[in-house]
Amino acid sequence: MPAYQILRLIKFLGVILYAGGLIGSFVATVHADRKRAVHAVASPGLVVTWIAGYLMTTQLQIPLMELWVIAGLVLSLISQLALVHSVARDRRTLGAFVSTFAPLFVVLLMMVFRPTWSDVRS
């Protein structure tokens, strides 16, 4: 089980990188710093999170088609696309922040509660 715990740590670090890049992209005042926060911090953090998450599912033999896995992938991609869009358009509005943070928060809920397709059918 130590391999799984190491993967959890790596995934957690990826999430921290992504969240830090997300916040940095809205806090930074210089546009170049905002772009750097997205492309040099948040994007690699998301890739690390996805890779570690995939490896965790293989360790636990969880099907990739589970509701919470698919929702996590789709919503984290939506968050990333909204983040890139807000920096490309140089928008630092509350709406832009919510459109990047809200999907990430729902991903967190999915990872904690792990709803399955059978939960939806009930």
PDB file of N, CA and C in Angstrom:
ATOM      1  N   MET A   1       0.795  -1.212   0.000  1.00  0.00           N
ATOM      2  CA  MET A   1       0.000   0.000   0.000  1.00  0.00           C
ATOM      3  C   MET A   1       0.837   1.277   0.000  1.00  0.00           C
ATOM      4  N   PRO A   2       2.144   1.239   0.249  1.00  0.00           N
ATOM      5  CA  PRO A   2       2.922   2.490   0.222  1.00  0.00           C
ATOM      6  C   PRO A   2       2.879   3.168  -1.150  1.00  0.00           C
ATOM      7  N   ALA A   3       2.784   2.404  -2.222  1.00  0.00           N
ATOM      8  CA  ALA A   3       2.723   3.015  -3.557  1.00  0.00           C
ATOM      9  C   ALA A   3       1.469   3.871  -3.683  1.00  0.00           C
ATOM     10  N   TYR A   4       0.364   3.394  -3.163  1.00  0.00           N
ATOM     11  CA  TYR A   4      -0.883   4.156  -3.215  1.00  0.00           C
ATOM     12  C   TYR A   4      -0.768   5.440  -2.403  1.00  0.00           C
ATOM     13  N   GLN A   5      -0.148   5.374  -1.249  1.00  0.00           N
ATOM     14  CA  GLN A   5       0.009   6.567  -0.413  1.00  0.00           C
ATOM     15  C   GLN A   5       0.917   7.589  -1.079  1.00  0.00           C
ATOM     16  N   ILE A   6       1.941   7.123  -1.771  1.00  0.00           N
ATOM     17  CA  ILE A   6       2.819   8.035  -2.516  1.00  0.00           C
ATOM     18  C   ILE A   6       2.032   8.694  -3.643  1.00  0.00           C
ATOM     19  N   LEU A   7       1.200   7.924  -4.331  1.00  0.00           N
ATOM     20  CA  LEU A   7       0.365   8.487  -5.396  1.00  0.00           C
ATOM     21  C   LEU A   7      -0.612   9.523  -4.839  1.00  0.00           C
ATOM     22  N   ARG A   8      -1.173   9.261  -3.671  1.00  0.00           N
ATOM     23  CA  ARG A   8      -2.072  10.241  -3.029  1.00  0.00           C
ATOM     24  C   ARG A   8      -1.337  11.542  -2.746  1.00  0.00           C
ATOM     25  N   LEU A   9      -0.106  11.419  -2.268  1.00  0.00           N
ATOM     26  CA  LEU A   9       0.700  12.603  -1.990  1.00  0.00           C
ATOM     27  C   LEU A   9       1.001  13.371  -3.275  1.00  0.00           C
ATOM     28  N   ILE A  10       1.372  12.644  -4.322  1.00  0.00           N
ATOM     29  CA  ILE A  10       1.666  13.290  -5.604  1.00  0.00           C
ATOM     30  C   ILE A  10       0.422  13.977  -6.155  1.00  0.00           C
ATOM     31  N   LYS A  11      -0.715  13.305  -6.051  1.00  0.00           N
ATOM     32  CA  LYS A  11      -1.955  13.911  -6.530  1.00  0.00           C
ATOM     33  C   LYS A  11      -2.298  15.157  -5.717  1.00  0.00           C
ATOM     34  N   PHE A  12      -2.122  15.099  -4.417  1.00  0.00           N
ATOM     35  CA  PHE A  12      -2.385  16.246  -3.564  1.00  0.00           C
ATOM     36  C   PHE A  12      -1.474  17.416  -3.948  1.00  0.00           C
ATOM     37  N   LEU A  13      -0.212  17.136  -4.215  1.00  0.00           N
ATOM     38  CA  LEU A  13       0.712  18.187  -4.643  1.00  0.00           C
ATOM     39  C   LEU A  13       0.276  18.778  -5.987  1.00  0.00           C
ATOM     40  N   GLY A  14      -0.211  17.931  -6.890  1.00  0.00           N
ATOM     41  CA  GLY A  14      -0.732  18.423  -8.163  1.00  0.00           C
ATOM     42  C   GLY A  14      -1.925  19.335  -7.976  1.00  0.00           C
ATOM     43  N   VAL A  15      -2.807  18.963  -7.066  1.00  0.00           N
ATOM     44  CA  VAL A  15      -3.986  19.792  -6.775  1.00  0.00           C
ATOM     45  C   VAL A  15      -3.554  21.132  -6.182  1.00  0.00           C
ATOM     46  N   ILE A  16      -2.572  21.097  -5.293  1.00  0.00           N
ATOM     47  CA  ILE A  16      -2.059  22.342  -4.715  1.00  0.00           C
ATOM     48  C   ILE A  16      -1.464  23.233  -5.804  1.00  0.00           C
ATOM     49  N   LEU A  17      -0.704  22.639  -6.717  1.00  0.00           N
ATOM     50  CA  LEU A  17      -0.141  23.417  -7.828  1.00  0.00           C
ATOM     51  C   LEU A  17      -1.244  24.035  -8.670  1.00  0.00           C
ATOM     52  N   TYR A  18      -2.251  23.232  -9.012  1.00  0.00           N
ATOM     53  CA  TYR A  18      -3.331  23.754  -9.839  1.00  0.00           C
ATOM     54  C   TYR A  18      -4.065  24.891  -9.137  1.00  0.00           C
ATOM     55  N   ALA A  19      -4.430  24.658  -7.886  1.00  0.00           N
ATOM     56  CA  ALA A  19      -5.154  25.692  -7.134  1.00  0.00           C
ATOM     57  C   ALA A  19      -4.289  26.940  -6.948  1.00  0.00           C
ATOM     58  N   GLY A  20      -3.004  26.751  -6.697  1.00  0.00           N
ATOM     59  CA  GLY A  20      -2.101  27.899  -6.562  1.00  0.00           C
ATOM     60  C   GLY A  20      -1.986  28.688  -7.846  1.00  0.00           C
ATOM     61  N   GLY A  21      -1.906  27.985  -8.972  1.00  0.00           N
ATOM     62  CA  GLY A  21      -1.865  28.665 -10.266  1.00  0.00           C
ATOM     63  C   GLY A  21      -3.157  29.387 -10.565  1.00  0.00           C
ATOM     64  N   LEU A  22      -4.280  28.776 -10.192  1.00  0.00           N
ATOM     65  CA  LEU A  22      -5.577  29.406 -10.393  1.00  0.00           C
ATOM     66  C   LEU A  22      -5.659  30.711  -9.597  1.00  0.00           C
ATOM     67  N   ILE A  23      -5.314  30.643  -8.339  1.00  0.00           N
ATOM     68  CA  ILE A  23      -5.366  31.850  -7.501  1.00  0.00           C
ATOM     69  C   ILE A  23      -4.350  32.878  -7.986  1.00  0.00           C
ATOM     70  N   GLY A  24      -3.140  32.415  -8.308  1.00  0.00           N
ATOM     71  CA  GLY A  24      -2.107  33.327  -8.803  1.00  0.00           C
ATOM     72  C   GLY A  24      -2.504  34.041 -10.071  1.00  0.00           C
ATOM     73  N   SER A  25      -3.265  33.364 -10.908  1.00  0.00           N
ATOM     74  CA  SER A  25      -3.667  33.995 -12.170  1.00  0.00           C
ATOM     75  C   SER A  25      -4.679  35.119 -11.954  1.00  0.00           C
ATOM     76  N   PHE A  26      -5.359  35.102 -10.830  1.00  0.00           N
ATOM     77  CA  PHE A  26      -6.307  36.178 -10.536  1.00  0.00           C
ATOM     78  C   PHE A  26      -5.722  37.240  -9.617  1.00  0.00           C
ATOM     79  N   VAL A  27      -4.718  36.876  -8.835  1.00  0.00           N
ATOM     80  CA  VAL A  27      -4.117  37.816  -7.898  1.00  0.00           C
ATOM     81  C   VAL A  27      -3.043  38.670  -8.566  1.00  0.00           C
ATOM     82  N   ALA A  28      -2.297  38.072  -9.493  1.00  0.00           N
ATOM     83  CA  ALA A  28      -1.203  38.798 -10.152  1.00  0.00           C
ATOM     84  C   ALA A  28      -1.750  40.006 -10.912  1.00  0.00           C
ATOM     85  N   THR A  29      -1.011  41.085 -10.870  1.00  0.00           N
ATOM     86  CA  THR A  29      -1.461  42.315 -11.535  1.00  0.00           C
ATOM     87  C   THR A  29      -0.875  42.451 -12.931  1.00  0.00           C
ATOM     88  N   VAL A  30       0.278  41.859 -13.167  1.00  0.00           N
ATOM     89  CA  VAL A  30       0.922  41.929 -14.483  1.00  0.00           C
ATOM     90  C   VAL A  30       0.428  40.756 -15.332  1.00  0.00           C
ATOM     91  N   HIS A  31       0.022  41.038 -16.553  1.00  0.00           N
ATOM     92  CA  HIS A  31      -0.539  40.003 -17.425  1.00  0.00           C
ATOM     93  C   HIS A  31       0.434  38.856 -17.654  1.00  0.00           C
ATOM     94  N   ALA A  32       1.709  39.163 -17.805  1.00  0.00           N
ATOM     95  CA  ALA A  32       2.710  38.110 -18.018  1.00  0.00           C
ATOM     96  C   ALA A  32       2.782  37.173 -16.806  1.00  0.00           C
ATOM     97  N   ASP A  33       2.649  37.727 -15.613  1.00  0.00           N
ATOM     98  CA  ASP A  33       2.638  36.895 -14.405  1.00  0.00           C
ATOM     99  C   ASP A  33       1.390  36.029 -14.345  1.00  0.00           C
ATOM    100  N   ARG A  34       0.276  36.560 -14.789  1.00  0.00           N
ATOM    101  CA  ARG A  34      -0.963  35.781 -14.828  1.00  0.00           C
ATOM    102  C   ARG A  34      -0.817  34.602 -15.780  1.00  0.00           C
ATOM    103  N   LYS A  35      -0.235  34.859 -16.957  1.00  0.00           N
ATOM    104  CA  LYS A  35      -0.028  33.785 -17.929  1.00  0.00           C
ATOM    105  C   LYS A  35       0.930  32.735 -17.377  1.00  0.00           C
ATOM    106  N   ARG A  36       1.969  33.185 -16.707  1.00  0.00           N
ATOM    107  CA  ARG A  36       2.929  32.261 -16.117  1.00  0.00           C
ATOM    108  C   ARG A  36       2.265  31.389 -15.051  1.00  0.00           C
ATOM    109  N   ALA A  37       1.411  31.991 -14.253  1.00  0.00           N
ATOM    110  CA  ALA A  37       0.710  31.224 -13.213  1.00  0.00           C
ATOM    111  C   ALA A  37      -0.137  30.113 -13.826  1.00  0.00           C
ATOM    112  N   VAL A  38      -0.768  30.407 -14.953  1.00  0.00           N
ATOM    113  CA  VAL A  38      -1.608  29.394 -15.614  1.00  0.00           C
ATOM    114  C   VAL A  38      -0.763  28.337 -16.297  1.00  0.00           C
ATOM    115  N   HIS A  39       0.163  28.792 -17.147  1.00  0.00           N
ATOM    116  CA  HIS A  39       0.878  27.848 -18.009  1.00  0.00           C
ATOM    117  C   HIS A  39       2.067  27.156 -17.347  1.00  0.00           C
ATOM    118  N   ALA A  40       2.663  27.778 -16.337  1.00  0.00           N
ATOM    119  CA  ALA A  40       3.825  27.163 -15.694  1.00  0.00           C
ATOM    120  C   ALA A  40       3.490  26.518 -14.346  1.00  0.00           C
ATOM    121  N   VAL A  41       2.341  26.855 -13.771  1.00  0.00           N
ATOM    122  CA  VAL A  41       1.991  26.294 -12.462  1.00  0.00           C
ATOM    123  C   VAL A  41       0.708  25.466 -12.549  1.00  0.00           C
ATOM    124  N   ALA A  42      -0.396  26.089 -12.960  1.00  0.00           N
ATOM    125  CA  ALA A  42      -1.690  25.400 -12.945  1.00  0.00           C
ATOM    126  C   ALA A  42      -1.740  24.238 -13.942  1.00  0.00           C
ATOM    127  N   SER A  43      -1.329  24.480 -15.165  1.00  0.00           N
ATOM    128  CA  SER A  43      -1.418  23.423 -16.181  1.00  0.00           C
ATOM    129  C   SER A  43      -0.583  22.192 -15.827  1.00  0.00           C
ATOM    130  N   PRO A  44       0.704  22.360 -15.448  1.00  0.00           N
ATOM    131  CA  PRO A  44       1.450  21.164 -15.022  1.00  0.00           C
ATOM    132  C   PRO A  44       0.836  20.500 -13.785  1.00  0.00           C
ATOM    133  N   GLY A  45       0.279  21.301 -12.883  1.00  0.00           N
ATOM    134  CA  GLY A  45      -0.377  20.735 -11.709  1.00  0.00           C
ATOM    135  C   GLY A  45      -1.552  19.858 -12.093  1.00  0.00           C
ATOM    136  N   LEU A  46      -2.314  20.292 -13.092  1.00  0.00           N
ATOM    137  CA  LEU A  46      -3.453  19.495 -13.540  1.00  0.00           C
ATOM    138  C   LEU A  46      -2.985  18.191 -14.187  1.00  0.00           C
ATOM    139  N   VAL A  47      -1.929  18.256 -14.967  1.00  0.00           N
ATOM    140  CA  VAL A  47      -1.392  17.041 -15.598  1.00  0.00           C
ATOM    141  C   VAL A  47      -0.918  16.055 -14.531  1.00  0.00           C
ATOM    142  N   VAL A  48      -0.197  16.549 -13.536  1.00  0.00           N
ATOM    143  CA  VAL A  48       0.259  15.689 -12.432  1.00  0.00           C
ATOM    144  C   VAL A  48      -0.941  15.072 -11.720  1.00  0.00           C
ATOM    145  N   THR A  49      -1.964  15.864 -11.490  1.00  0.00           N
ATOM    146  CA  THR A  49      -3.172  15.374 -10.823  1.00  0.00           C
ATOM    147  C   THR A  49      -3.839  14.276 -11.639  1.00  0.00           C
ATOM    148  N   TRP A  50      -3.965  14.500 -12.938  1.00  0.00           N
ATOM    149  CA  TRP A  50      -4.597  13.490 -13.795  1.00  0.00           C
ATOM    150  C   TRP A  50      -3.788  12.191 -13.832  1.00  0.00           C
ATOM    151  N   ILE A  51      -2.480  12.302 -13.984  1.00  0.00           N
ATOM    152  CA  ILE A  51      -1.642  11.097 -14.059  1.00  0.00           C
ATOM    153  C   ILE A  51      -1.690  10.332 -12.742  1.00  0.00           C
ATOM    154  N   ALA A  52      -1.539  11.033 -11.636  1.00  0.00           N
ATOM    155  CA  ALA A  52      -1.593  10.372 -10.327  1.00  0.00           C
ATOM    156  C   ALA A  52      -2.972   9.759 -10.089  1.00  0.00           C
ATOM    157  N   GLY A  53      -4.024  10.468 -10.483  1.00  0.00           N
ATOM    158  CA  GLY A  53      -5.372   9.932 -10.329  1.00  0.00           C
ATOM    159  C   GLY A  53      -5.577   8.674 -11.140  1.00  0.00           C
ATOM    160  N   TYR A  54      -5.075   8.676 -12.372  1.00  0.00           N
ATOM    161  CA  TYR A  54      -5.190   7.470 -13.203  1.00  0.00           C
ATOM    162  C   TYR A  54      -4.453   6.296 -12.553  1.00  0.00           C
ATOM    163  N   LEU A  55      -3.244   6.559 -12.087  1.00  0.00           N
ATOM    164  CA  LEU A  55      -2.475   5.487 -11.451  1.00  0.00           C
ATOM    165  C   LEU A  55      -3.142   5.006 -10.165  1.00  0.00           C
ATOM    166  N   MET A  56      -3.803   5.896  -9.455  1.00  0.00           N
ATOM    167  CA  MET A  56      -4.534   5.487  -8.250  1.00  0.00           C
ATOM    168  C   MET A  56      -5.705   4.570  -8.611  1.00  0.00           C
ATOM    169  N   THR A  57      -6.398   4.877  -9.709  1.00  0.00           N
ATOM    170  CA  THR A  57      -7.514   4.006 -10.108  1.00  0.00           C
ATOM    171  C   THR A  57      -7.010   2.627 -10.504  1.00  0.00           C
ATOM    172  N   THR A  58      -5.829   2.565 -11.108  1.00  0.00           N
ATOM    173  CA  THR A  58      -5.285   1.248 -11.457  1.00  0.00           C
ATOM    174  C   THR A  58      -4.872   0.483 -10.203  1.00  0.00           C
ATOM    175  N   GLN A  59      -4.342   1.191  -9.208  1.00  0.00           N
ATOM    176  CA  GLN A  59      -3.956   0.543  -7.947  1.00  0.00           C
ATOM    177  C   GLN A  59      -5.179  -0.044  -7.241  1.00  0.00           C
ATOM    178  N   LEU A  60      -6.281   0.704  -7.239  1.00  0.00           N
ATOM    179  CA  LEU A  60      -7.495   0.271  -6.546  1.00  0.00           C
ATOM    180  C   LEU A  60      -8.444  -0.517  -7.434  1.00  0.00           C
ATOM    181  N   GLN A  61      -8.076  -0.667  -8.708  1.00  0.00           N
ATOM    182  CA  GLN A  61      -8.894  -1.367  -9.696  1.00  0.00           C
ATOM    183  C   GLN A  61     -10.295  -0.766  -9.793  1.00  0.00           C
ATOM    184  N   ILE A  62     -10.327   0.556  -9.874  1.00  0.00           N
ATOM    185  CA  ILE A  62     -11.580   1.285 -10.037  1.00  0.00           C
ATOM    186  C   ILE A  62     -11.792   1.533 -11.527  1.00  0.00           C
ATOM    187  N   PRO A  63     -12.967   1.222 -12.062  1.00  0.00           N
ATOM    188  CA  PRO A  63     -13.221   1.470 -13.484  1.00  0.00           C
ATOM    189  C   PRO A  63     -13.182   2.971 -13.797  1.00  0.00           C
ATOM    190  N   LEU A  64     -12.578   3.311 -14.908  1.00  0.00           N
ATOM    191  CA  LEU A  64     -12.489   4.716 -15.316  1.00  0.00           C
ATOM    192  C   LEU A  64     -13.841   5.285 -15.730  1.00  0.00           C
ATOM    193  N   MET A  65     -14.834   4.428 -15.899  1.00  0.00           N
ATOM    194  CA  MET A  65     -16.154   4.902 -16.312  1.00  0.00           C
ATOM    195  C   MET A  65     -17.075   5.188 -15.125  1.00  0.00           C
ATOM    196  N   GLU A  66     -16.550   5.158 -13.908  1.00  0.00           N
ATOM    197  CA  GLU A  66     -17.355   5.528 -12.744  1.00  0.00           C
ATOM    198  C   GLU A  66     -17.753   6.995 -12.857  1.00  0.00           C
ATOM    199  N   LEU A  67     -18.919   7.321 -12.352  1.00  0.00           N
ATOM    200  CA  LEU A  67     -19.444   8.682 -12.436  1.00  0.00           C
ATOM    201  C   LEU A  67     -18.470   9.705 -11.867  1.00  0.00           C
ATOM    202  N   TRP A  68     -17.939   9.453 -10.688  1.00  0.00           N
ATOM    203  CA  TRP A  68     -17.078  10.433 -10.045  1.00  0.00           C
ATOM    204  C   TRP A  68     -15.754  10.617 -10.779  1.00  0.00           C
ATOM    205  N   VAL A  69     -15.266   9.575 -11.452  1.00  0.00           N
ATOM    206  CA  VAL A  69     -14.021   9.688 -12.218  1.00  0.00           C
ATOM    207  C   VAL A  69     -14.254  10.528 -13.472  1.00  0.00           C
ATOM    208  N   ILE A  70     -15.313  10.202 -14.206  1.00  0.00           N
ATOM    209  CA  ILE A  70     -15.635  10.951 -15.422  1.00  0.00           C
ATOM    210  C   ILE A  70     -15.944  12.406 -15.090  1.00  0.00           C
ATOM    211  N   ALA A  71     -16.756  12.621 -14.066  1.00  0.00           N
ATOM    212  CA  ALA A  71     -17.101  13.989 -13.669  1.00  0.00           C
ATOM    213  C   ALA A  71     -15.857  14.762 -13.258  1.00  0.00           C
ATOM    214  N   GLY A  72     -14.948  14.125 -12.548  1.00  0.00           N
ATOM    215  CA  GLY A  72     -13.713  14.782 -12.141  1.00  0.00           C
ATOM    216  C   GLY A  72     -12.874  15.210 -13.326  1.00  0.00           C
ATOM    217  N   LEU A  73     -12.755  14.332 -14.317  1.00  0.00           N
ATOM    218  CA  LEU A  73     -11.986  14.665 -15.519  1.00  0.00           C
ATOM    219  C   LEU A  73     -12.630  15.805 -16.300  1.00  0.00           C
ATOM    220  N   VAL A  74     -13.920  15.681 -16.533  1.00  0.00           N
ATOM    221  CA  VAL A  74     -14.626  16.681 -17.338  1.00  0.00           C
ATOM    222  C   VAL A  74     -14.634  18.043 -16.635  1.00  0.00           C
ATOM    223  N   LEU A  75     -14.959  18.051 -15.360  1.00  0.00           N
ATOM    224  CA  LEU A  75     -15.043  19.327 -14.642  1.00  0.00           C
ATOM    225  C   LEU A  75     -13.676  19.972 -14.440  1.00  0.00           C
ATOM    226  N   SER A  76     -12.636  19.177 -14.240  1.00  0.00           N
ATOM    227  CA  SER A  76     -11.304  19.778 -14.116  1.00  0.00           C
ATOM    228  C   SER A  76     -10.854  20.345 -15.458  1.00  0.00           C
ATOM    229  N   LEU A  77     -11.241  19.699 -16.552  1.00  0.00           N
ATOM    230  CA  LEU A  77     -10.940  20.255 -17.877  1.00  0.00           C
ATOM    231  C   LEU A  77     -11.707  21.555 -18.098  1.00  0.00           C
ATOM    232  N   ILE A  78     -12.965  21.589 -17.692  1.00  0.00           N
ATOM    233  CA  ILE A  78     -13.756  22.826 -17.816  1.00  0.00           C
ATOM    234  C   ILE A  78     -13.110  23.947 -17.000  1.00  0.00           C
ATOM    235  N   SER A  79     -12.660  23.634 -15.802  1.00  0.00           N
ATOM    236  CA  SER A  79     -11.983  24.635 -14.974  1.00  0.00           C
ATOM    237  C   SER A  79     -10.726  25.144 -15.663  1.00  0.00           C
ATOM    238  N   GLN A  80      -9.952  24.240 -16.220  1.00  0.00           N
ATOM    239  CA  GLN A  80      -8.713  24.632 -16.916  1.00  0.00           C
ATOM    240  C   GLN A  80      -9.018  25.494 -18.130  1.00  0.00           C
ATOM    241  N   LEU A  81      -9.998  25.111 -18.912  1.00  0.00           N
ATOM    242  CA  LEU A  81     -10.352  25.896 -20.103  1.00  0.00           C
ATOM    243  C   LEU A  81     -10.850  27.284 -19.712  1.00  0.00           C
ATOM    244  N   ALA A  82     -11.640  27.365 -18.657  1.00  0.00           N
ATOM    245  CA  ALA A  82     -12.112  28.675 -18.182  1.00  0.00           C
ATOM    246  C   ALA A  82     -10.946  29.512 -17.688  1.00  0.00           C
ATOM    247  N   LEU A  83      -9.988  28.878 -17.042  1.00  0.00           N
ATOM    248  CA  LEU A  83      -8.811  29.591 -16.549  1.00  0.00           C
ATOM    249  C   LEU A  83      -7.971  30.131 -17.703  1.00  0.00           C
ATOM    250  N   VAL A  84      -7.722  29.306 -18.685  1.00  0.00           N
ATOM    251  CA  VAL A  84      -6.951  29.745 -19.856  1.00  0.00           C
ATOM    252  C   VAL A  84      -7.696  30.860 -20.586  1.00  0.00           C
ATOM    253  N   HIS A  85      -9.002  30.718 -20.716  1.00  0.00           N
ATOM    254  CA  HIS A  85      -9.813  31.737 -21.386  1.00  0.00           C
ATOM    255  C   HIS A  85      -9.746  33.068 -20.639  1.00  0.00           C
ATOM    256  N   SER A  86      -9.838  33.025 -19.322  1.00  0.00           N
ATOM    257  CA  SER A  86      -9.815  34.278 -18.558  1.00  0.00           C
ATOM    258  C   SER A  86      -8.480  34.985 -18.685  1.00  0.00           C
ATOM    259  N   VAL A  87      -7.400  34.232 -18.778  1.00  0.00           N
ATOM    260  CA  VAL A  87      -6.083  34.860 -18.928  1.00  0.00           C
ATOM    261  C   VAL A  87      -5.880  35.339 -20.369  1.00  0.00           C
ATOM    262  N   ALA A  88      -6.349  34.567 -21.322  1.00  0.00           N
ATOM    263  CA  ALA A  88      -6.195  34.972 -22.723  1.00  0.00           C
ATOM    264  C   ALA A  88      -6.973  36.250 -23.016  1.00  0.00           C
ATOM    265  N   ARG A  89      -8.122  36.407 -22.384  1.00  0.00           N
ATOM    266  CA  ARG A  89      -8.948  37.606 -22.579  1.00  0.00           C
ATOM    267  C   ARG A  89      -8.644  38.696 -21.561  1.00  0.00           C
ATOM    268  N   ASP A  90      -7.687  38.405 -20.678  1.00  0.00           N
ATOM    269  CA  ASP A  90      -7.270  39.338 -19.627  1.00  0.00           C
ATOM    270  C   ASP A  90      -8.460  39.778 -18.767  1.00  0.00           C
ATOM    271  N   ARG A  91      -9.233  38.787 -18.322  1.00  0.00           N
ATOM    272  CA  ARG A  91     -10.395  39.055 -17.457  1.00  0.00           C
ATOM    273  C   ARG A  91     -10.078  38.617 -16.039  1.00  0.00           C
ATOM    274  N   ARG A  92     -10.290  39.520 -15.105  1.00  0.00           N
ATOM    275  CA  ARG A  92     -10.111  39.208 -13.689  1.00  0.00           C
ATOM    276  C   ARG A  92     -11.383  39.556 -12.932  1.00  0.00           C
ATOM    277  N   THR A  93     -12.489  39.161 -13.468  1.00  0.00           N
ATOM    278  CA  THR A  93     -13.777  39.480 -12.851  1.00  0.00           C
ATOM    279  C   THR A  93     -14.185  38.370 -11.880  1.00  0.00           C
ATOM    280  N   LEU A  94     -15.161  38.680 -11.067  1.00  0.00           N
ATOM    281  CA  LEU A  94     -15.700  37.683 -10.151  1.00  0.00           C
ATOM    282  C   LEU A  94     -16.311  36.520 -10.926  1.00  0.00           C
ATOM    283  N   GLY A  95     -16.992  36.826 -12.021  1.00  0.00           N
ATOM    284  CA  GLY A  95     -17.588  35.779 -12.852  1.00  0.00           C
ATOM    285  C   GLY A  95     -16.540  34.841 -13.434  1.00  0.00           C
ATOM    286  N   ALA A  96     -15.425  35.403 -13.867  1.00  0.00           N
ATOM    287  CA  ALA A  96     -14.348  34.569 -14.415  1.00  0.00           C
ATOM    288  C   ALA A  96     -13.769  33.674 -13.321  1.00  0.00           C
ATOM    289  N   PHE A  97     -13.610  34.226 -12.126  1.00  0.00           N
ATOM    290  CA  PHE A  97     -13.096  33.424 -11.014  1.00  0.00           C
ATOM    291  C   PHE A  97     -14.060  32.299 -10.658  1.00  0.00           C
ATOM    292  N   VAL A  98     -15.329  32.612 -10.579  1.00  0.00           N
ATOM    293  CA  VAL A  98     -16.330  31.593 -10.237  1.00  0.00           C
ATOM    294  C   VAL A  98     -16.367  30.502 -11.303  1.00  0.00           C
ATOM    295  N   SER A  99     -16.230  30.891 -12.575  1.00  0.00           N
ATOM    296  CA  SER A  99     -16.279  29.889 -13.646  1.00  0.00           C
ATOM    297  C   SER A  99     -15.066  28.969 -13.638  1.00  0.00           C
ATOM    298  N   THR A 100     -13.986  29.388 -12.994  1.00  0.00           N
ATOM    299  CA  THR A 100     -12.829  28.493 -12.870  1.00  0.00           C
ATOM    300  C   THR A 100     -12.843  27.726 -11.552  1.00  0.00           C
ATOM    301  N   PHE A 101     -13.310  28.382 -10.482  1.00  0.00           N
ATOM    302  CA  PHE A 101     -13.269  27.761  -9.162  1.00  0.00           C
ATOM    303  C   PHE A 101     -14.433  26.799  -8.919  1.00  0.00           C
ATOM    304  N   ALA A 102     -15.616  27.132  -9.383  1.00  0.00           N
ATOM    305  CA  ALA A 102     -16.800  26.294  -9.124  1.00  0.00           C
ATOM    306  C   ALA A 102     -16.623  24.858  -9.639  1.00  0.00           C
ATOM    307  N   PRO A 103     -16.172  24.654 -10.892  1.00  0.00           N
ATOM    308  CA  PRO A 103     -15.967  23.265 -11.327  1.00  0.00           C
ATOM    309  C   PRO A 103     -14.917  22.540 -10.486  1.00  0.00           C
ATOM    310  N   LEU A 104     -13.885  23.266 -10.074  1.00  0.00           N
ATOM    311  CA  LEU A 104     -12.859  22.657  -9.232  1.00  0.00           C
ATOM    312  C   LEU A 104     -13.441  22.236  -7.883  1.00  0.00           C
ATOM    313  N   PHE A 105     -14.315  23.035  -7.324  1.00  0.00           N
ATOM    314  CA  PHE A 105     -14.959  22.696  -6.059  1.00  0.00           C
ATOM    315  C   PHE A 105     -15.841  21.455  -6.214  1.00  0.00           C
ATOM    316  N   VAL A 106     -16.556  21.356  -7.327  1.00  0.00           N
ATOM    317  CA  VAL A 106     -17.397  20.173  -7.561  1.00  0.00           C
ATOM    318  C   VAL A 106     -16.522  18.931  -7.739  1.00  0.00           C
ATOM    319  N   VAL A 107     -15.359  19.093  -8.363  1.00  0.00           N
ATOM    320  CA  VAL A 107     -14.424  17.971  -8.474  1.00  0.00           C
ATOM    321  C   VAL A 107     -14.023  17.495  -7.079  1.00  0.00           C
ATOM    322  N   LEU A 108     -13.742  18.434  -6.209  1.00  0.00           N
ATOM    323  CA  LEU A 108     -13.394  18.076  -4.837  1.00  0.00           C
ATOM    324  C   LEU A 108     -14.526  17.277  -4.189  1.00  0.00           C
ATOM    325  N   LEU A 109     -15.753  17.730  -4.378  1.00  0.00           N
ATOM    326  CA  LEU A 109     -16.904  16.991  -3.843  1.00  0.00           C
ATOM    327  C   LEU A 109     -16.974  15.581  -4.423  1.00  0.00           C
ATOM    328  N   MET A 110     -16.739  15.465  -5.729  1.00  0.00           N
ATOM    329  CA  MET A 110     -16.777  14.149  -6.388  1.00  0.00           C
ATOM    330  C   MET A 110     -15.712  13.221  -5.809  1.00  0.00           C
ATOM    331  N   MET A 111     -14.519  13.744  -5.584  1.00  0.00           N
ATOM    332  CA  MET A 111     -13.433  12.916  -5.075  1.00  0.00           C
ATOM    333  C   MET A 111     -13.685  12.479  -3.624  1.00  0.00           C
ATOM    334  N   VAL A 112     -14.375  13.296  -2.861  1.00  0.00           N
ATOM    335  CA  VAL A 112     -14.637  12.963  -1.462  1.00  0.00           C
ATOM    336  C   VAL A 112     -15.809  11.991  -1.341  1.00  0.00           C
ATOM    337  N   PHE A 113     -16.917  12.282  -2.038  1.00  0.00           N
ATOM    338  CA  PHE A 113     -18.124  11.476  -1.876  1.00  0.00           C
ATOM    339  C   PHE A 113     -18.238  10.317  -2.862  1.00  0.00           C
ATOM    340  N   ARG A 114     -17.511  10.357  -3.956  1.00  0.00           N
ATOM    341  CA  ARG A 114     -17.447   9.289  -4.956  1.00  0.00           C
ATOM    342  C   ARG A 114     -18.823   8.731  -5.367  1.00  0.00           C
ATOM    343  N   PRO A 115     -19.683   9.567  -5.916  1.00  0.00           N
ATOM    344  CA  PRO A 115     -20.972   9.034  -6.378  1.00  0.00           C
ATOM    345  C   PRO A 115     -20.772   8.093  -7.566  1.00  0.00           C
ATOM    346  N   THR A 116     -21.558   7.048  -7.611  1.00  0.00           N
ATOM    347  CA  THR A 116     -21.471   6.081  -8.703  1.00  0.00           C
ATOM    348  C   THR A 116     -22.736   6.152  -9.542  1.00  0.00           C
ATOM    349  N   TRP A 117     -22.722   5.443 -10.660  1.00  0.00           N
ATOM    350  CA  TRP A 117     -23.901   5.421 -11.533  1.00  0.00           C
ATOM    351  C   TRP A 117     -25.071   4.763 -10.817  1.00  0.00           C
ATOM    352  N   SER A 118     -24.806   3.797  -9.959  1.00  0.00           N
ATOM    353  CA  SER A 118     -25.900   3.146  -9.236  1.00  0.00           C
ATOM    354  C   SER A 118     -26.558   4.125  -8.250  1.00  0.00           C
ATOM    355  N   ASP A 119     -25.797   5.099  -7.746  1.00  0.00           N
ATOM    356  CA  ASP A 119     -26.387   6.125  -6.886  1.00  0.00           C
ATOM    357  C   ASP A 119     -27.371   6.994  -7.654  1.00  0.00           C
ATOM    358  N   VAL A 120     -27.093   7.217  -8.918  1.00  0.00           N
ATOM    359  CA  VAL A 120     -27.954   8.052  -9.759  1.00  0.00           C
ATOM    360  C   VAL A 120     -29.262   7.321 -10.050  1.00  0.00           C
ATOM    361  N   ARG A 121     -29.177   6.030 -10.285  1.00  0.00           N
ATOM    362  CA  ARG A 121     -30.364   5.240 -10.618  1.00  0.00           C
ATOM    363  C   ARG A 121     -31.292   5.049  -9.432  1.00  0.00           C
ATOM    364  N   SER A 122     -30.781   5.168  -8.238  1.00  0.00           N
ATOM    365  CA  SER A 122     -31.604   4.913  -7.027  1.00  0.00           C
ATOM    366  C   SER A 122     -32.575   6.012  -6.766  1.00  0.00           C
TER     367      SER A 122
END
